[in-house]
Amino acid sequence: TPAHVDVAGRDEIALLGASFNWMADAIATQQELRRRMVGD
């Protein structure tokens, strides 16, 4: 399951971490929707 990474600051690395967290949330949502769809 995709996990969040700690993000601190406003530099490029922090922006990369925030983008990764957004991607992890999107993947987790899609995985949950896929599981729900198969069950439904």
Full PDB file with SEQRES, HELIX, SHEET, SSBOND, CRYST1, ORIGX, SCALE, CONECT and MASTER records, all heavy atoms in Angstrom:
SEQRES   1 A   40  THR PRO ALA HIS VAL ASP VAL ALA GLY ARG ASP GLU ILE          
SEQRES   2 A   40  ALA LEU LEU GLY ALA SER PHE ASN TRP MET ALA ASP ALA          
SEQRES   3 A   40  ILE ALA THR GLN GLN GLU LEU ARG ARG ARG MET VAL GLY          
SEQRES   4 A   40  ASP                                                          
HELIX    1 AA1 GLU A   12  GLY A   39  1                                  28    
CRYST1    1.000    1.000    1.000  90.00  90.00  90.00 P 1           1          
ORIGX1      1.000000  0.000000  0.000000        0.00000                         
ORIGX2      0.000000  1.000000  0.000000        0.00000                         
ORIGX3      0.000000  0.000000  1.000000        0.00000                         
SCALE1      1.000000  0.000000  0.000000        0.00000                         
SCALE2      0.000000  1.000000  0.000000        0.00000                         
SCALE3      0.000000  0.000000  1.000000        0.00000                         
ATOM      1  N   THR A   1       0.834  -1.202   0.000  1.00  0.00           N  
ATOM      2  CA  THR A   1       0.000   0.000   0.000  1.00  0.00           C  
ATOM      3  C   THR A   1       0.864   1.246   0.000  1.00  0.00           C  
ATOM      4  O   THR A   1       1.749   1.386   0.843  1.00  0.00           O  
ATOM      5  CB  THR A   1      -0.913   0.024   1.236  1.00  0.00           C  
ATOM      6  OG1 THR A   1      -1.713  -1.155   1.247  1.00  0.00           O  
ATOM      7  CG2 THR A   1      -1.810   1.256   1.216  1.00  0.00           C  
ATOM      8  N   PRO A   2       0.676   2.163  -0.959  1.00  0.00           N  
ATOM      9  CA  PRO A   2       1.504   3.372  -1.007  1.00  0.00           C  
ATOM     10  C   PRO A   2       1.417   4.172   0.282  1.00  0.00           C  
ATOM     11  O   PRO A   2       0.332   4.391   0.824  1.00  0.00           O  
ATOM     12  CB  PRO A   2       0.904   4.161  -2.185  1.00  0.00           C  
ATOM     13  CG  PRO A   2       0.204   3.142  -3.010  1.00  0.00           C  
ATOM     14  CD  PRO A   2      -0.305   2.110  -2.049  1.00  0.00           C  
ATOM     15  N   ALA A   3       2.596   4.560   0.797  1.00  0.00           N  
ATOM     16  CA  ALA A   3       2.655   5.325   2.043  1.00  0.00           C  
ATOM     17  C   ALA A   3       3.150   6.737   1.760  1.00  0.00           C  
ATOM     18  O   ALA A   3       3.907   6.965   0.810  1.00  0.00           O  
ATOM     19  CB  ALA A   3       3.577   4.629   3.044  1.00  0.00           C  
ATOM     20  N   HIS A   4       2.748   7.669   2.593  1.00  0.00           N  
ATOM     21  CA  HIS A   4       3.205   9.043   2.455  1.00  0.00           C  
ATOM     22  C   HIS A   4       4.645   9.184   2.957  1.00  0.00           C  
ATOM     23  O   HIS A   4       5.116   8.408   3.785  1.00  0.00           O  
ATOM     24  CB  HIS A   4       2.300   9.981   3.258  1.00  0.00           C  
ATOM     25  CG  HIS A   4       1.039  10.320   2.542  1.00  0.00           C  
ATOM     26  ND1 HIS A   4       0.258  11.401   2.860  1.00  0.00           N  
ATOM     27  CD2 HIS A   4       0.419   9.725   1.496  1.00  0.00           C  
ATOM     28  CE1 HIS A   4      -0.792  11.451   2.064  1.00  0.00           C  
ATOM     29  NE2 HIS A   4      -0.715  10.438   1.229  1.00  0.00           N  
ATOM     30  N   VAL A   5       5.341  10.176   2.424  1.00  0.00           N  
ATOM     31  CA  VAL A   5       6.658  10.535   2.922  1.00  0.00           C  
ATOM     32  C   VAL A   5       6.548  11.906   3.574  1.00  0.00           C  
ATOM     33  O   VAL A   5       5.714  12.727   3.182  1.00  0.00           O  
ATOM     34  CB  VAL A   5       7.711  10.563   1.794  1.00  0.00           C  
ATOM     35  CG1 VAL A   5       7.920   9.174   1.212  1.00  0.00           C  
ATOM     36  CG2 VAL A   5       7.291  11.530   0.693  1.00  0.00           C  
ATOM     37  N   ASP A   6       7.366  12.147   4.578  1.00  0.00           N  
ATOM     38  CA  ASP A   6       7.334  13.432   5.269  1.00  0.00           C  
ATOM     39  C   ASP A   6       7.843  14.528   4.339  1.00  0.00           C  
ATOM     40  O   ASP A   6       8.868  14.370   3.663  1.00  0.00           O  
ATOM     41  CB  ASP A   6       8.200  13.373   6.527  1.00  0.00           C  
ATOM     42  CG  ASP A   6       7.629  12.408   7.559  1.00  0.00           C  
ATOM     43  OD1 ASP A   6       6.404  12.213   7.551  1.00  0.00           O  
ATOM     44  OD2 ASP A   6       8.411  11.853   8.350  1.00  0.00           O  
ATOM     45  N   VAL A   7       7.131  15.626   4.304  1.00  0.00           N  
ATOM     46  CA  VAL A   7       7.494  16.761   3.457  1.00  0.00           C  
ATOM     47  C   VAL A   7       7.735  17.968   4.336  1.00  0.00           C  
ATOM     48  O   VAL A   7       6.884  18.330   5.152  1.00  0.00           O  
ATOM     49  CB  VAL A   7       6.388  17.068   2.423  1.00  0.00           C  
ATOM     50  CG1 VAL A   7       6.762  18.297   1.606  1.00  0.00           C  
ATOM     51  CG2 VAL A   7       6.156  15.869   1.526  1.00  0.00           C  
ATOM     52  N   ALA A   8       8.915  18.585   4.194  1.00  0.00           N  
ATOM     53  CA  ALA A   8       9.255  19.781   4.962  1.00  0.00           C  
ATOM     54  C   ALA A   8       9.961  20.773   4.046  1.00  0.00           C  
ATOM     55  O   ALA A   8      10.797  20.392   3.224  1.00  0.00           O  
ATOM     56  CB  ALA A   8      10.155  19.422   6.149  1.00  0.00           C  
ATOM     57  N   GLY A   9       9.622  22.030   4.184  1.00  0.00           N  
ATOM     58  CA  GLY A   9      10.254  23.060   3.372  1.00  0.00           C  
ATOM     59  C   GLY A   9       9.485  23.333   2.094  1.00  0.00           C  
ATOM     60  O   GLY A   9       8.407  22.781   1.847  1.00  0.00           O  
ATOM     61  N   ARG A  10      10.086  24.181   1.254  1.00  0.00           N  
ATOM     62  CA  ARG A  10       9.448  24.572  -0.001  1.00  0.00           C  
ATOM     63  C   ARG A  10      10.380  24.433  -1.191  1.00  0.00           C  
ATOM     64  O   ARG A  10      10.134  25.016  -2.243  1.00  0.00           O  
ATOM     65  CB  ARG A  10       8.959  26.026   0.095  1.00  0.00           C  
ATOM     66  CG  ARG A  10       7.920  26.264   1.181  1.00  0.00           C  
ATOM     67  CD  ARG A  10       7.460  27.712   1.178  1.00  0.00           C  
ATOM     68  NE  ARG A  10       6.457  27.954   2.207  1.00  0.00           N  
ATOM     69  CZ  ARG A  10       5.901  29.147   2.447  1.00  0.00           C  
ATOM     70  NH1 ARG A  10       6.261  30.203   1.708  1.00  0.00           N  
ATOM     71  NH2 ARG A  10       4.985  29.277   3.394  1.00  0.00           N  
ATOM     72  N   ASP A  11      11.469  23.684  -1.035  1.00  0.00           N  
ATOM     73  CA  ASP A  11      12.410  23.535  -2.128  1.00  0.00           C  
ATOM     74  C   ASP A  11      11.934  22.462  -3.109  1.00  0.00           C  
ATOM     75  O   ASP A  11      10.841  21.907  -2.989  1.00  0.00           O  
ATOM     76  CB  ASP A  11      13.810  23.197  -1.593  1.00  0.00           C  
ATOM     77  CG  ASP A  11      13.787  21.977  -0.669  1.00  0.00           C  
ATOM     78  OD1 ASP A  11      12.759  21.272  -0.660  1.00  0.00           O  
ATOM     79  OD2 ASP A  11      14.791  21.750   0.035  1.00  0.00           O  
ATOM     80  N   GLU A  12      12.808  22.160  -4.099  1.00  0.00           N  
ATOM     81  CA  GLU A  12      12.432  21.205  -5.138  1.00  0.00           C  
ATOM     82  C   GLU A  12      12.214  19.809  -4.572  1.00  0.00           C  
ATOM     83  O   GLU A  12      11.341  19.064  -5.048  1.00  0.00           O  
ATOM     84  CB  GLU A  12      13.517  21.172  -6.233  1.00  0.00           C  
ATOM     85  CG  GLU A  12      13.537  22.398  -7.133  1.00  0.00           C  
ATOM     86  CD  GLU A  12      14.175  23.607  -6.457  1.00  0.00           C  
ATOM     87  OE1 GLU A  12      14.713  23.438  -5.343  1.00  0.00           O  
ATOM     88  OE2 GLU A  12      14.124  24.701  -7.035  1.00  0.00           O  
ATOM     89  N   ILE A  13      13.001  19.417  -3.566  1.00  0.00           N  
ATOM     90  CA  ILE A  13      12.841  18.087  -2.983  1.00  0.00           C  
ATOM     91  C   ILE A  13      11.501  17.987  -2.250  1.00  0.00           C  
ATOM     92  O   ILE A  13      10.814  16.969  -2.310  1.00  0.00           O  
ATOM     93  CB  ILE A  13      14.018  17.765  -2.043  1.00  0.00           C  
ATOM     94  CG1 ILE A  13      15.319  17.696  -2.845  1.00  0.00           C  
ATOM     95  CG2 ILE A  13      13.783  16.461  -1.299  1.00  0.00           C  
ATOM     96  CD1 ILE A  13      16.530  17.393  -2.012  1.00  0.00           C  
ATOM     97  N   ALA A  14      11.123  19.059  -1.553  1.00  0.00           N  
ATOM     98  CA  ALA A  14       9.816  19.067  -0.890  1.00  0.00           C  
ATOM     99  C   ALA A  14       8.692  18.986  -1.918  1.00  0.00           C  
ATOM    100  O   ALA A  14       7.686  18.293  -1.704  1.00  0.00           O  
ATOM    101  CB  ALA A  14       9.669  20.323  -0.041  1.00  0.00           C  
ATOM    102  N   LEU A  15       8.865  19.682  -3.050  1.00  0.00           N  
ATOM    103  CA  LEU A  15       7.864  19.613  -4.121  1.00  0.00           C  
ATOM    104  C   LEU A  15       7.784  18.201  -4.689  1.00  0.00           C  
ATOM    105  O   LEU A  15       6.693  17.694  -4.968  1.00  0.00           O  
ATOM    106  CB  LEU A  15       8.217  20.612  -5.223  1.00  0.00           C  
ATOM    107  CG  LEU A  15       7.266  20.665  -6.427  1.00  0.00           C  
ATOM    108  CD1 LEU A  15       5.862  21.048  -5.982  1.00  0.00           C  
ATOM    109  CD2 LEU A  15       7.780  21.650  -7.466  1.00  0.00           C  
ATOM    110  N   LEU A  16       8.938  17.544  -4.831  1.00  0.00           N  
ATOM    111  CA  LEU A  16       8.955  16.160  -5.299  1.00  0.00           C  
ATOM    112  C   LEU A  16       8.232  15.242  -4.309  1.00  0.00           C  
ATOM    113  O   LEU A  16       7.462  14.365  -4.715  1.00  0.00           O  
ATOM    114  CB  LEU A  16      10.401  15.694  -5.492  1.00  0.00           C  
ATOM    115  CG  LEU A  16      10.607  14.232  -5.893  1.00  0.00           C  
ATOM    116  CD1 LEU A  16       9.961  13.963  -7.247  1.00  0.00           C  
ATOM    117  CD2 LEU A  16      12.099  13.907  -5.947  1.00  0.00           C  
ATOM    118  N   GLY A  17       8.472  15.460  -3.012  1.00  0.00           N  
ATOM    119  CA  GLY A  17       7.788  14.659  -2.004  1.00  0.00           C  
ATOM    120  C   GLY A  17       6.287  14.863  -2.026  1.00  0.00           C  
ATOM    121  O   GLY A  17       5.512  13.899  -1.902  1.00  0.00           O  
ATOM    122  N   ALA A  18       5.851  16.113  -2.189  1.00  0.00           N  
ATOM    123  CA  ALA A  18       4.412  16.391  -2.258  1.00  0.00           C  
ATOM    124  C   ALA A  18       3.788  15.729  -3.490  1.00  0.00           C  
ATOM    125  O   ALA A  18       2.674  15.193  -3.423  1.00  0.00           O  
ATOM    126  CB  ALA A  18       4.176  17.900  -2.276  1.00  0.00           C  
ATOM    127  N   SER A  19       4.506  15.761  -4.609  1.00  0.00           N  
ATOM    128  CA  SER A  19       4.006  15.110  -5.825  1.00  0.00           C  
ATOM    129  C   SER A  19       3.910  13.602  -5.633  1.00  0.00           C  
ATOM    130  O   SER A  19       2.954  12.964  -6.092  1.00  0.00           O  
ATOM    131  CB  SER A  19       4.930  15.432  -7.010  1.00  0.00           C  
ATOM    132  OG  SER A  19       4.986  16.821  -7.243  1.00  0.00           O  
ATOM    133  N   PHE A  20       4.892  13.043  -4.939  1.00  0.00           N  
ATOM    134  CA  PHE A  20       4.851  11.602  -4.671  1.00  0.00           C  
ATOM    135  C   PHE A  20       3.655  11.253  -3.793  1.00  0.00           C  
ATOM    136  O   PHE A  20       2.975  10.251  -4.032  1.00  0.00           O  
ATOM    137  CB  PHE A  20       6.151  11.158  -4.001  1.00  0.00           C  
ATOM    138  CG  PHE A  20       6.191   9.694  -3.665  1.00  0.00           C  
ATOM    139  CD1 PHE A  20       6.637   8.771  -4.592  1.00  0.00           C  
ATOM    140  CD2 PHE A  20       5.776   9.240  -2.421  1.00  0.00           C  
ATOM    141  CE1 PHE A  20       6.652   7.417  -4.291  1.00  0.00           C  
ATOM    142  CE2 PHE A  20       5.793   7.895  -2.107  1.00  0.00           C  
ATOM    143  CZ  PHE A  20       6.238   6.974  -3.054  1.00  0.00           C  
ATOM    144  N   ASN A  21       3.401  12.069  -2.776  1.00  0.00           N  
ATOM    145  CA  ASN A  21       2.255  11.808  -1.903  1.00  0.00           C  
ATOM    146  C   ASN A  21       0.943  11.887  -2.682  1.00  0.00           C  
ATOM    147  O   ASN A  21       0.023  11.090  -2.459  1.00  0.00           O  
ATOM    148  CB  ASN A  21       2.244  12.805  -0.745  1.00  0.00           C  
ATOM    149  CG  ASN A  21       3.360  12.548   0.243  1.00  0.00           C  
ATOM    150  OD1 ASN A  21       3.903  11.451   0.314  1.00  0.00           O  
ATOM    151  ND2 ASN A  21       3.708  13.551   1.011  1.00  0.00           N  
ATOM    152  N   TRP A  22       0.867  12.856  -3.577  1.00  0.00           N  
ATOM    153  CA  TRP A  22      -0.345  12.965  -4.403  1.00  0.00           C  
ATOM    154  C   TRP A  22      -0.502  11.726  -5.276  1.00  0.00           C  
ATOM    155  O   TRP A  22      -1.604  11.186  -5.414  1.00  0.00           O  
ATOM    156  CB  TRP A  22      -0.251  14.209  -5.281  1.00  0.00           C  
ATOM    157  CG  TRP A  22      -1.430  14.387  -6.189  1.00  0.00           C  
ATOM    158  CD1 TRP A  22      -2.627  14.963  -5.901  1.00  0.00           C  
ATOM    159  CD2 TRP A  22      -1.516  13.939  -7.551  1.00  0.00           C  
ATOM    160  NE1 TRP A  22      -3.458  14.911  -6.988  1.00  0.00           N  
ATOM    161  CE2 TRP A  22      -2.809  14.299  -8.019  1.00  0.00           C  
ATOM    162  CE3 TRP A  22      -0.642  13.293  -8.416  1.00  0.00           C  
ATOM    163  CZ2 TRP A  22      -3.217  14.013  -9.313  1.00  0.00           C  
ATOM    164  CZ3 TRP A  22      -1.062  13.002  -9.706  1.00  0.00           C  
ATOM    165  CH2 TRP A  22      -2.342  13.374 -10.143  1.00  0.00           C  
ATOM    166  N   MET A  23       0.600  11.257  -5.869  1.00  0.00           N  
ATOM    167  CA  MET A  23       0.544  10.054  -6.693  1.00  0.00           C  
ATOM    168  C   MET A  23       0.162   8.836  -5.857  1.00  0.00           C  
ATOM    169  O   MET A  23      -0.636   7.992  -6.291  1.00  0.00           O  
ATOM    170  CB  MET A  23       1.899   9.822  -7.365  1.00  0.00           C  
ATOM    171  CG  MET A  23       1.948   8.592  -8.252  1.00  0.00           C  
ATOM    172  SD  MET A  23       3.598   8.261  -8.916  1.00  0.00           S  
ATOM    173  CE  MET A  23       4.469   7.851  -7.399  1.00  0.00           C  
ATOM    174  N   ALA A  24       0.715   8.743  -4.645  1.00  0.00           N  
ATOM    175  CA  ALA A  24       0.385   7.615  -3.768  1.00  0.00           C  
ATOM    176  C   ALA A  24      -1.101   7.612  -3.425  1.00  0.00           C  
ATOM    177  O   ALA A  24      -1.748   6.554  -3.398  1.00  0.00           O  
ATOM    178  CB  ALA A  24       1.231   7.675  -2.503  1.00  0.00           C  
ATOM    179  N   ASP A  25      -1.661   8.807  -3.153  1.00  0.00           N  
ATOM    180  CA  ASP A  25      -3.096   8.890  -2.859  1.00  0.00           C  
ATOM    181  C   ASP A  25      -3.929   8.450  -4.062  1.00  0.00           C  
ATOM    182  O   ASP A  25      -4.934   7.744  -3.916  1.00  0.00           O  
ATOM    183  CB  ASP A  25      -3.474  10.318  -2.461  1.00  0.00           C  
ATOM    184  CG  ASP A  25      -2.935  10.694  -1.089  1.00  0.00           C  
ATOM    185  OD1 ASP A  25      -2.647   9.778  -0.301  1.00  0.00           O  
ATOM    186  OD2 ASP A  25      -2.794  11.901  -0.817  1.00  0.00           O  
ATOM    187  N   ALA A  26      -3.503   8.896  -5.258  1.00  0.00           N  
ATOM    188  CA  ALA A  26      -4.245   8.525  -6.466  1.00  0.00           C  
ATOM    189  C   ALA A  26      -4.199   7.018  -6.700  1.00  0.00           C  
ATOM    190  O   ALA A  26      -5.214   6.397  -7.043  1.00  0.00           O  
ATOM    191  CB  ALA A  26      -3.679   9.273  -7.680  1.00  0.00           C  
ATOM    192  N   ILE A  27      -3.029   6.424  -6.497  1.00  0.00           N  
ATOM    193  CA  ILE A  27      -2.901   4.976  -6.695  1.00  0.00           C  
ATOM    194  C   ILE A  27      -3.724   4.221  -5.658  1.00  0.00           C  
ATOM    195  O   ILE A  27      -4.403   3.234  -5.977  1.00  0.00           O  
ATOM    196  CB  ILE A  27      -1.421   4.561  -6.625  1.00  0.00           C  
ATOM    197  CG1 ILE A  27      -0.661   5.122  -7.827  1.00  0.00           C  
ATOM    198  CG2 ILE A  27      -1.284   3.041  -6.574  1.00  0.00           C  
ATOM    199  CD1 ILE A  27       0.815   4.855  -7.803  1.00  0.00           C  
ATOM    200  N   ALA A  28      -3.671   4.677  -4.406  1.00  0.00           N  
ATOM    201  CA  ALA A  28      -4.454   4.013  -3.356  1.00  0.00           C  
ATOM    202  C   ALA A  28      -5.944   4.102  -3.656  1.00  0.00           C  
ATOM    203  O   ALA A  28      -6.700   3.135  -3.451  1.00  0.00           O  
ATOM    204  CB  ALA A  28      -4.144   4.640  -2.003  1.00  0.00           C  
ATOM    205  N   THR A  29      -6.381   5.265  -4.158  1.00  0.00           N  
ATOM    206  CA  THR A  29      -7.795   5.423  -4.507  1.00  0.00           C  
ATOM    207  C   THR A  29      -8.188   4.487  -5.631  1.00  0.00           C  
ATOM    208  O   THR A  29      -9.249   3.842  -5.591  1.00  0.00           O  
ATOM    209  CB  THR A  29      -8.076   6.875  -4.912  1.00  0.00           C  
ATOM    210  OG1 THR A  29      -7.760   7.748  -3.813  1.00  0.00           O  
ATOM    211  CG2 THR A  29      -9.538   7.061  -5.286  1.00  0.00           C  
ATOM    212  N   GLN A  30      -7.332   4.392  -6.652  1.00  0.00           N  
ATOM    213  CA  GLN A  30      -7.633   3.506  -7.774  1.00  0.00           C  
ATOM    214  C   GLN A  30      -7.648   2.044  -7.341  1.00  0.00           C  
ATOM    215  O   GLN A  30      -8.489   1.259  -7.800  1.00  0.00           O  
ATOM    216  CB  GLN A  30      -6.603   3.715  -8.892  1.00  0.00           C  
ATOM    217  CG  GLN A  30      -6.722   5.047  -9.604  1.00  0.00           C  
ATOM    218  CD  GLN A  30      -8.085   5.250 -10.236  1.00  0.00           C  
ATOM    219  OE1 GLN A  30      -8.652   4.340 -10.833  1.00  0.00           O  
ATOM    220  NE2 GLN A  30      -8.621   6.461 -10.115  1.00  0.00           N  
ATOM    221  N   GLN A  31      -6.723   1.676  -6.467  1.00  0.00           N  
ATOM    222  CA  GLN A  31      -6.715   0.302  -5.975  1.00  0.00           C  
ATOM    223  C   GLN A  31      -7.987  -0.012  -5.197  1.00  0.00           C  
ATOM    224  O   GLN A  31      -8.568  -1.094  -5.357  1.00  0.00           O  
ATOM    225  CB  GLN A  31      -5.480   0.071  -5.088  1.00  0.00           C  
ATOM    226  CG  GLN A  31      -4.168   0.044  -5.849  1.00  0.00           C  
ATOM    227  CD  GLN A  31      -2.984  -0.137  -4.926  1.00  0.00           C  
ATOM    228  OE1 GLN A  31      -3.092   0.006  -3.705  1.00  0.00           O  
ATOM    229  NE2 GLN A  31      -1.831  -0.441  -5.487  1.00  0.00           N  
ATOM    230  N   GLU A  32      -8.417   0.935  -4.376  1.00  0.00           N  
ATOM    231  CA  GLU A  32      -9.640   0.722  -3.601  1.00  0.00           C  
ATOM    232  C   GLU A  32     -10.855   0.632  -4.519  1.00  0.00           C  
ATOM    233  O   GLU A  32     -11.731  -0.229  -4.336  1.00  0.00           O  
ATOM    234  CB  GLU A  32      -9.822   1.853  -2.595  1.00  0.00           C  
ATOM    235  CG  GLU A  32     -11.100   1.770  -1.776  1.00  0.00           C  
ATOM    236  CD  GLU A  32     -11.161   0.523  -0.910  1.00  0.00           C  
ATOM    237  OE1 GLU A  32     -10.100  -0.045  -0.595  1.00  0.00           O  
ATOM    238  OE2 GLU A  32     -12.279   0.110  -0.553  1.00  0.00           O  
ATOM    239  N   LEU A  33     -10.898   1.509  -5.542  1.00  0.00           N  
ATOM    240  CA  LEU A  33     -12.009   1.465  -6.487  1.00  0.00           C  
ATOM    241  C   LEU A  33     -12.013   0.154  -7.263  1.00  0.00           C  
ATOM    242  O   LEU A  33     -13.075  -0.418  -7.530  1.00  0.00           O  
ATOM    243  CB  LEU A  33     -11.918   2.653  -7.458  1.00  0.00           C  
ATOM    244  CG  LEU A  33     -12.224   4.030  -6.879  1.00  0.00           C  
ATOM    245  CD1 LEU A  33     -11.991   5.103  -7.929  1.00  0.00           C  
ATOM    246  CD2 LEU A  33     -13.661   4.108  -6.367  1.00  0.00           C  
ATOM    247  N   ARG A  34     -10.819  -0.341  -7.605  1.00  0.00           N  
ATOM    248  CA  ARG A  34     -10.737  -1.598  -8.339  1.00  0.00           C  
ATOM    249  C   ARG A  34     -11.235  -2.753  -7.478  1.00  0.00           C  
ATOM    250  O   ARG A  34     -11.989  -3.614  -7.947  1.00  0.00           O  
ATOM    251  CB  ARG A  34      -9.299  -1.845  -8.784  1.00  0.00           C  
ATOM    252  CG  ARG A  34      -9.151  -3.025  -9.735  1.00  0.00           C  
ATOM    253  CD  ARG A  34      -7.703  -3.251 -10.123  1.00  0.00           C  
ATOM    254  NE  ARG A  34      -7.132  -2.058 -10.723  1.00  0.00           N  
ATOM    255  CZ  ARG A  34      -6.181  -1.325 -10.168  1.00  0.00           C  
ATOM    256  NH1 ARG A  34      -5.692  -1.660  -8.982  1.00  0.00           N  
ATOM    257  NH2 ARG A  34      -5.707  -0.265 -10.762  1.00  0.00           N  
ATOM    258  N   ARG A  35     -10.804  -2.755  -6.210  1.00  0.00           N  
ATOM    259  CA  ARG A  35     -11.267  -3.819  -5.313  1.00  0.00           C  
ATOM    260  C   ARG A  35     -12.781  -3.749  -5.116  1.00  0.00           C  
ATOM    261  O   ARG A  35     -13.476  -4.776  -5.134  1.00  0.00           O  
ATOM    262  CB  ARG A  35     -10.545  -3.713  -3.965  1.00  0.00           C  
ATOM    263  CG  ARG A  35      -9.101  -4.183  -3.988  1.00  0.00           C  
ATOM    264  CD  ARG A  35      -8.574  -4.329  -2.586  1.00  0.00           C  
ATOM    265  NE  ARG A  35      -8.450  -3.042  -1.919  1.00  0.00           N  
ATOM    266  CZ  ARG A  35      -7.338  -2.321  -1.900  1.00  0.00           C  
ATOM    267  NH1 ARG A  35      -6.250  -2.770  -2.501  1.00  0.00           N  
ATOM    268  NH2 ARG A  35      -7.307  -1.161  -1.270  1.00  0.00           N  
ATOM    269  N   ARG A  36     -13.285  -2.527  -4.947  1.00  0.00           N  
ATOM    270  CA  ARG A  36     -14.725  -2.378  -4.754  1.00  0.00           C  
ATOM    271  C   ARG A  36     -15.489  -2.796  -5.999  1.00  0.00           C  
ATOM    272  O   ARG A  36     -16.546  -3.438  -5.905  1.00  0.00           O  
ATOM    273  CB  ARG A  36     -15.054  -0.933  -4.406  1.00  0.00           C  
ATOM    274  CG  ARG A  36     -14.686  -0.528  -2.990  1.00  0.00           C  
ATOM    275  CD  ARG A  36     -14.985   0.931  -2.753  1.00  0.00           C  
ATOM    276  NE  ARG A  36     -16.346   1.269  -3.133  1.00  0.00           N  
ATOM    277  CZ  ARG A  36     -16.802   2.515  -3.207  1.00  0.00           C  
ATOM    278  NH1 ARG A  36     -16.003   3.528  -2.934  1.00  0.00           N  
ATOM    279  NH2 ARG A  36     -18.055   2.758  -3.545  1.00  0.00           N  
ATOM    280  N   MET A  37     -14.954  -2.458  -7.172  1.00  0.00           N  
ATOM    281  CA  MET A  37     -15.654  -2.794  -8.405  1.00  0.00           C  
ATOM    282  C   MET A  37     -15.725  -4.299  -8.594  1.00  0.00           C  
ATOM    283  O   MET A  37     -16.782  -4.850  -8.954  1.00  0.00           O  
ATOM    284  CB  MET A  37     -14.959  -2.153  -9.605  1.00  0.00           C  
ATOM    285  CG  MET A  37     -15.675  -2.416 -10.917  1.00  0.00           C  
ATOM    286  SD  MET A  37     -14.946  -1.554 -12.306  1.00  0.00           S  
ATOM    287  CE  MET A  37     -16.057  -2.060 -13.620  1.00  0.00           C  
ATOM    288  N   VAL A  38     -14.607  -4.998  -8.333  1.00  0.00           N  
ATOM    289  CA  VAL A  38     -14.613  -6.453  -8.464  1.00  0.00           C  
ATOM    290  C   VAL A  38     -15.626  -7.061  -7.501  1.00  0.00           C  
ATOM    291  O   VAL A  38     -16.410  -7.947  -7.864  1.00  0.00           O  
ATOM    292  CB  VAL A  38     -13.200  -7.024  -8.211  1.00  0.00           C  
ATOM    293  CG1 VAL A  38     -13.247  -8.547  -8.136  1.00  0.00           C  
ATOM    294  CG2 VAL A  38     -12.244  -6.574  -9.303  1.00  0.00           C  
ATOM    295  N   GLY A  39     -15.630  -6.590  -6.258  1.00  0.00           N  
ATOM    296  CA  GLY A  39     -16.587  -7.107  -5.285  1.00  0.00           C  
ATOM    297  C   GLY A  39     -18.017  -6.785  -5.656  1.00  0.00           C  
ATOM    298  O   GLY A  39     -18.913  -7.641  -5.517  1.00  0.00           O  
ATOM    299  N   ASP A  40     -18.241  -5.557  -6.157  1.00  0.00           N  
ATOM    300  CA  ASP A  40     -19.606  -5.171  -6.521  1.00  0.00           C  
ATOM    301  C   ASP A  40     -20.113  -5.962  -7.727  1.00  0.00           C  
ATOM    302  O   ASP A  40     -21.278  -6.366  -7.776  1.00  0.00           O  
ATOM    303  CB  ASP A  40     -19.660  -3.672  -6.826  1.00  0.00           C  
ATOM    304  CG  ASP A  40     -19.474  -2.826  -5.573  1.00  0.00           C  
ATOM    305  OD1 ASP A  40     -19.755  -3.348  -4.480  1.00  0.00           O  
ATOM    306  OD2 ASP A  40     -19.039  -1.668  -5.695  1.00  0.00           O  
TER     307      ASP A  40                                                      
MASTER        0    0    0    1    0    0    0    6  306    1    0    4          
END                                                                             
